[in-house]
Amino acid sequence: MQQAILEGIELGLLLSMMIGPVFFALITTSIDHGFRQAAILALGVFLVTCCTSYLLT
């Protein structure tokens, strides 16, 4: 149990530090279309991430 928690923390920290295409999509969207559209995009990314992690556990 403790090993699973530690592996989850390590994986979470690794994934939170990765700068991927979503980061650049958020920056581009905020520059081109403003804060509101970027916030909607960020909410969509968050919901997809939550659904994916729910389905995989």
PDB file of N, CA and C in Angstrom:
ATOM      1  N   MET A   1       0.824  -1.192   0.000  1.00  0.00           N
ATOM      2  CA  MET A   1       0.000   0.000   0.000  1.00  0.00           C
ATOM      3  C   MET A   1       0.875   1.265   0.000  1.00  0.00           C
ATOM      4  N   GLN A   2       1.869   1.266   0.875  1.00  0.00           N
ATOM      5  CA  GLN A   2       2.742   2.432   0.966  1.00  0.00           C
ATOM      6  C   GLN A   2       3.556   2.612  -0.316  1.00  0.00           C
ATOM      7  N   GLN A   3       3.955   1.517  -0.921  1.00  0.00           N
ATOM      8  CA  GLN A   3       4.722   1.604  -2.166  1.00  0.00           C
ATOM      9  C   GLN A   3       3.860   2.192  -3.282  1.00  0.00           C
ATOM     10  N   ALA A   4       2.593   1.824  -3.338  1.00  0.00           N
ATOM     11  CA  ALA A   4       1.700   2.364  -4.362  1.00  0.00           C
ATOM     12  C   ALA A   4       1.512   3.866  -4.190  1.00  0.00           C
ATOM     13  N   ILE A   5       1.412   4.320  -2.958  1.00  0.00           N
ATOM     14  CA  ILE A   5       1.257   5.749  -2.683  1.00  0.00           C
ATOM     15  C   ILE A   5       2.508   6.506  -3.116  1.00  0.00           C
ATOM     16  N   LEU A   6       3.670   5.975  -2.792  1.00  0.00           N
ATOM     17  CA  LEU A   6       4.925   6.630  -3.178  1.00  0.00           C
ATOM     18  C   LEU A   6       5.092   6.659  -4.698  1.00  0.00           C
ATOM     19  N   GLU A   7       4.730   5.576  -5.370  1.00  0.00           N
ATOM     20  CA  GLU A   7       4.813   5.565  -6.830  1.00  0.00           C
ATOM     21  C   GLU A   7       3.832   6.565  -7.435  1.00  0.00           C
ATOM     22  N   GLY A   8       2.661   6.691  -6.844  1.00  0.00           N
ATOM     23  CA  GLY A   8       1.684   7.663  -7.319  1.00  0.00           C
ATOM     24  C   GLY A   8       2.165   9.090  -7.147  1.00  0.00           C
ATOM     25  N   ILE A   9       2.805   9.364  -6.021  1.00  0.00           N
ATOM     26  CA  ILE A   9       3.354  10.707  -5.788  1.00  0.00           C
ATOM     27  C   ILE A   9       4.464  11.010  -6.787  1.00  0.00           C
ATOM     28  N   GLU A  10       5.346  10.045  -7.015  1.00  0.00           N
ATOM     29  CA  GLU A  10       6.433  10.244  -7.984  1.00  0.00           C
ATOM     30  C   GLU A  10       5.883  10.496  -9.386  1.00  0.00           C
ATOM     31  N   LEU A  11       4.919   9.696  -9.800  1.00  0.00           N
ATOM     32  CA  LEU A  11       4.339   9.861 -11.131  1.00  0.00           C
ATOM     33  C   LEU A  11       3.601  11.192 -11.241  1.00  0.00           C
ATOM     34  N   GLY A  12       2.888  11.581 -10.201  1.00  0.00           N
ATOM     35  CA  GLY A  12       2.184  12.856 -10.209  1.00  0.00           C
ATOM     36  C   GLY A  12       3.133  14.038 -10.323  1.00  0.00           C
ATOM     37  N   LEU A  13       4.231  13.990  -9.598  1.00  0.00           N
ATOM     38  CA  LEU A  13       5.218  15.069  -9.684  1.00  0.00           C
ATOM     39  C   LEU A  13       5.860  15.119 -11.061  1.00  0.00           C
ATOM     40  N   LEU A  14       6.151  13.956 -11.621  1.00  0.00           N
ATOM     41  CA  LEU A  14       6.739  13.916 -12.954  1.00  0.00           C
ATOM     42  C   LEU A  14       5.783  14.500 -13.983  1.00  0.00           C
ATOM     43  N   LEU A  15       4.528  14.104 -13.935  1.00  0.00           N
ATOM     44  CA  LEU A  15       3.563  14.582 -14.915  1.00  0.00           C
ATOM     45  C   LEU A  15       3.249  16.065 -14.727  1.00  0.00           C
ATOM     46  N   SER A  16       3.300  16.551 -13.504  1.00  0.00           N
ATOM     47  CA  SER A  16       2.999  17.968 -13.280  1.00  0.00           C
ATOM     48  C   SER A  16       4.126  18.869 -13.777  1.00  0.00           C
ATOM     49  N   MET A  17       5.338  18.345 -13.896  1.00  0.00           N
ATOM     50  CA  MET A  17       6.454  19.158 -14.348  1.00  0.00           C
ATOM     51  C   MET A  17       6.648  19.109 -15.859  1.00  0.00           C
ATOM     52  N   MET A  18       5.958  18.209 -16.529  1.00  0.00           N
ATOM     53  CA  MET A  18       6.137  18.077 -17.981  1.00  0.00           C
ATOM     54  C   MET A  18       5.428  19.221 -18.694  1.00  0.00           C
ATOM     55  N   ILE A  19       6.129  19.839 -19.625  1.00  0.00           N
ATOM     56  CA  ILE A  19       5.533  20.877 -20.448  1.00  0.00           C
ATOM     57  C   ILE A  19       5.292  20.254 -21.809  1.00  0.00           C
ATOM     58  N   GLY A  20       4.030  20.115 -22.138  1.00  0.00           N
ATOM     59  CA  GLY A  20       3.684  19.452 -23.380  1.00  0.00           C
ATOM     60  C   GLY A  20       2.884  20.344 -24.297  1.00  0.00           C
ATOM     61  N   PRO A  21       2.249  19.755 -25.256  1.00  0.00           N
ATOM     62  CA  PRO A  21       1.487  20.514 -26.244  1.00  0.00           C
ATOM     63  C   PRO A  21       0.306  21.277 -25.645  1.00  0.00           C
ATOM     64  N   VAL A  22      -0.246  20.769 -24.560  1.00  0.00           N
ATOM     65  CA  VAL A  22      -1.383  21.461 -23.935  1.00  0.00           C
ATOM     66  C   VAL A  22      -0.946  22.809 -23.375  1.00  0.00           C
ATOM     67  N   PHE A  23       0.234  22.859 -22.816  1.00  0.00           N
ATOM     68  CA  PHE A  23       0.760  24.120 -22.292  1.00  0.00           C
ATOM     69  C   PHE A  23       0.853  25.166 -23.401  1.00  0.00           C
ATOM     70  N   PHE A  24       1.402  24.760 -24.521  1.00  0.00           N
ATOM     71  CA  PHE A  24       1.552  25.698 -25.633  1.00  0.00           C
ATOM     72  C   PHE A  24       0.206  26.053 -26.255  1.00  0.00           C
ATOM     73  N   ALA A  25      -0.726  25.099 -26.254  1.00  0.00           N
ATOM     74  CA  ALA A  25      -2.073  25.394 -26.750  1.00  0.00           C
ATOM     75  C   ALA A  25      -2.753  26.418 -25.852  1.00  0.00           C
ATOM     76  N   LEU A  26      -2.565  26.321 -24.550  1.00  0.00           N
ATOM     77  CA  LEU A  26      -3.140  27.303 -23.622  1.00  0.00           C
ATOM     78  C   LEU A  26      -2.541  28.689 -23.825  1.00  0.00           C
ATOM     79  N   ILE A  27      -1.239  28.751 -23.986  1.00  0.00           N
ATOM     80  CA  ILE A  27      -0.582  30.043 -24.210  1.00  0.00           C
ATOM     81  C   ILE A  27      -1.061  30.667 -25.517  1.00  0.00           C
ATOM     82  N   THR A  28      -1.088  29.869 -26.588  1.00  0.00           N
ATOM     83  CA  THR A  28      -1.522  30.378 -27.887  1.00  0.00           C
ATOM     84  C   THR A  28      -2.978  30.829 -27.851  1.00  0.00           C
ATOM     85  N   THR A  29      -3.836  30.039 -27.212  1.00  0.00           N
ATOM     86  CA  THR A  29      -5.250  30.390 -27.129  1.00  0.00           C
ATOM     87  C   THR A  29      -5.449  31.664 -26.332  1.00  0.00           C
ATOM     88  N   SER A  30      -4.720  31.812 -25.242  1.00  0.00           N
ATOM     89  CA  SER A  30      -4.885  33.025 -24.434  1.00  0.00           C
ATOM     90  C   SER A  30      -4.407  34.268 -25.186  1.00  0.00           C
ATOM     91  N   ILE A  31      -3.367  34.135 -25.984  1.00  0.00           N
ATOM     92  CA  ILE A  31      -2.880  35.282 -26.758  1.00  0.00           C
ATOM     93  C   ILE A  31      -3.848  35.618 -27.887  1.00  0.00           C
ATOM     94  N   ASP A  32      -4.306  34.594 -28.599  1.00  0.00           N
ATOM     95  CA  ASP A  32      -5.165  34.820 -29.764  1.00  0.00           C
ATOM     96  C   ASP A  32      -6.608  35.163 -29.405  1.00  0.00           C
ATOM     97  N   HIS A  33      -7.166  34.508 -28.383  1.00  0.00           N
ATOM     98  CA  HIS A  33      -8.599  34.626 -28.120  1.00  0.00           C
ATOM     99  C   HIS A  33      -8.951  35.177 -26.739  1.00  0.00           C
ATOM    100  N   GLY A  34      -7.975  35.346 -25.875  1.00  0.00           N
ATOM    101  CA  GLY A  34      -8.247  35.928 -24.575  1.00  0.00           C
ATOM    102  C   GLY A  34      -8.354  34.903 -23.450  1.00  0.00           C
ATOM    103  N   PHE A  35      -8.527  35.460 -22.254  1.00  0.00           N
ATOM    104  CA  PHE A  35      -8.522  34.643 -21.040  1.00  0.00           C
ATOM    105  C   PHE A  35      -9.689  33.667 -20.991  1.00  0.00           C
ATOM    106  N   ARG A  36     -10.868  34.125 -21.393  1.00  0.00           N
ATOM    107  CA  ARG A  36     -12.061  33.280 -21.266  1.00  0.00           C
ATOM    108  C   ARG A  36     -11.923  31.989 -22.079  1.00  0.00           C
ATOM    109  N   GLN A  37     -11.508  32.095 -23.318  1.00  0.00           N
ATOM    110  CA  GLN A  37     -11.346  30.901 -24.147  1.00  0.00           C
ATOM    111  C   GLN A  37     -10.243  29.987 -23.607  1.00  0.00           C
ATOM    112  N   ALA A  38      -9.179  30.574 -23.092  1.00  0.00           N
ATOM    113  CA  ALA A  38      -8.107  29.762 -22.504  1.00  0.00           C
ATOM    114  C   ALA A  38      -8.596  29.055 -21.244  1.00  0.00           C
ATOM    115  N   ALA A  39      -9.423  29.718 -20.456  1.00  0.00           N
ATOM    116  CA  ALA A  39      -9.970  29.095 -19.254  1.00  0.00           C
ATOM    117  C   ALA A  39     -10.894  27.936 -19.618  1.00  0.00           C
ATOM    118  N   ILE A  40     -11.671  28.085 -20.686  1.00  0.00           N
ATOM    119  CA  ILE A  40     -12.540  27.002 -21.138  1.00  0.00           C
ATOM    120  C   ILE A  40     -11.703  25.822 -21.617  1.00  0.00           C
ATOM    121  N   LEU A  41     -10.633  26.096 -22.341  1.00  0.00           N
ATOM    122  CA  LEU A  41      -9.727  25.038 -22.777  1.00  0.00           C
ATOM    123  C   LEU A  41      -9.105  24.330 -21.577  1.00  0.00           C
ATOM    124  N   ALA A  42      -8.664  25.093 -20.593  1.00  0.00           N
ATOM    125  CA  ALA A  42      -8.060  24.506 -19.396  1.00  0.00           C
ATOM    126  C   ALA A  42      -9.071  23.644 -18.645  1.00  0.00           C
ATOM    127  N   LEU A  43     -10.313  24.089 -18.575  1.00  0.00           N
ATOM    128  CA  LEU A  43     -11.354  23.294 -17.917  1.00  0.00           C
ATOM    129  C   LEU A  43     -11.577  21.986 -18.658  1.00  0.00           C
ATOM    130  N   GLY A  44     -11.581  22.043 -19.983  1.00  0.00           N
ATOM    131  CA  GLY A  44     -11.723  20.823 -20.771  1.00  0.00           C
ATOM    132  C   GLY A  44     -10.586  19.850 -20.548  1.00  0.00           C
ATOM    133  N   VAL A  45      -9.378  20.358 -20.503  1.00  0.00           N
ATOM    134  CA  VAL A  45      -8.214  19.506 -20.249  1.00  0.00           C
ATOM    135  C   VAL A  45      -8.317  18.880 -18.864  1.00  0.00           C
ATOM    136  N   PHE A  46      -8.740  19.672 -17.882  1.00  0.00           N
ATOM    137  CA  PHE A  46      -8.893  19.168 -16.516  1.00  0.00           C
ATOM    138  C   PHE A  46      -9.941  18.061 -16.451  1.00  0.00           C
ATOM    139  N   LEU A  47     -11.080  18.265 -17.115  1.00  0.00           N
ATOM    140  CA  LEU A  47     -12.144  17.257 -17.084  1.00  0.00           C
ATOM    141  C   LEU A  47     -11.721  15.963 -17.773  1.00  0.00           C
ATOM    142  N   VAL A  48     -11.029  16.069 -18.888  1.00  0.00           N
ATOM    143  CA  VAL A  48     -10.541  14.881 -19.582  1.00  0.00           C
ATOM    144  C   VAL A  48      -9.533  14.139 -18.705  1.00  0.00           C
ATOM    145  N   THR A  49      -8.671  14.866 -18.039  1.00  0.00           N
ATOM    146  CA  THR A  49      -7.685  14.243 -17.150  1.00  0.00           C
ATOM    147  C   THR A  49      -8.378  13.528 -15.991  1.00  0.00           C
ATOM    148  N   CYS A  50      -9.383  14.157 -15.425  1.00  0.00           N
ATOM    149  CA  CYS A  50     -10.127  13.521 -14.319  1.00  0.00           C
ATOM    150  C   CYS A  50     -10.851  12.270 -14.789  1.00  0.00           C
ATOM    151  N   CYS A  51     -11.505  12.342 -15.929  1.00  0.00           N
ATOM    152  CA  CYS A  51     -12.213  11.173 -16.470  1.00  0.00           C
ATOM    153  C   CYS A  51     -11.249  10.035 -16.786  1.00  0.00           C
ATOM    154  N   THR A  52     -10.122  10.364 -17.378  1.00  0.00           N
ATOM    155  CA  THR A  52      -9.137   9.355 -17.718  1.00  0.00           C
ATOM    156  C   THR A  52      -8.580   8.687 -16.467  1.00  0.00           C
ATOM    157  N   SER A  53      -8.246   9.478 -15.462  1.00  0.00           N
ATOM    158  CA  SER A  53      -7.697   8.876 -14.234  1.00  0.00           C
ATOM    159  C   SER A  53      -8.753   8.056 -13.510  1.00  0.00           C
ATOM    160  N   TYR A  54     -10.030   8.461 -13.604  1.00  0.00           N
ATOM    161  CA  TYR A  54     -11.109   7.682 -12.988  1.00  0.00           C
ATOM    162  C   TYR A  54     -11.278   6.349 -13.688  1.00  0.00           C
ATOM    163  N   LEU A  55     -11.224   6.362 -15.026  1.00  0.00           N
ATOM    164  CA  LEU A  55     -11.409   5.140 -15.782  1.00  0.00           C
ATOM    165  C   LEU A  55     -10.247   4.173 -15.635  1.00  0.00           C
ATOM    166  N   LEU A  56      -9.059   4.712 -15.400  1.00  0.00           N
ATOM    167  CA  LEU A  56      -7.876   3.849 -15.295  1.00  0.00           C
ATOM    168  C   LEU A  56      -7.649   3.286 -13.900  1.00  0.00           C
ATOM    169  N   THR A  57      -8.422   3.766 -12.928  1.00  0.00           N
ATOM    170  CA  THR A  57      -8.248   3.228 -11.565  1.00  0.00           C
ATOM    171  C   THR A  57      -9.322   2.267 -11.204  1.00  0.00           C
TER     172      THR A  57
END
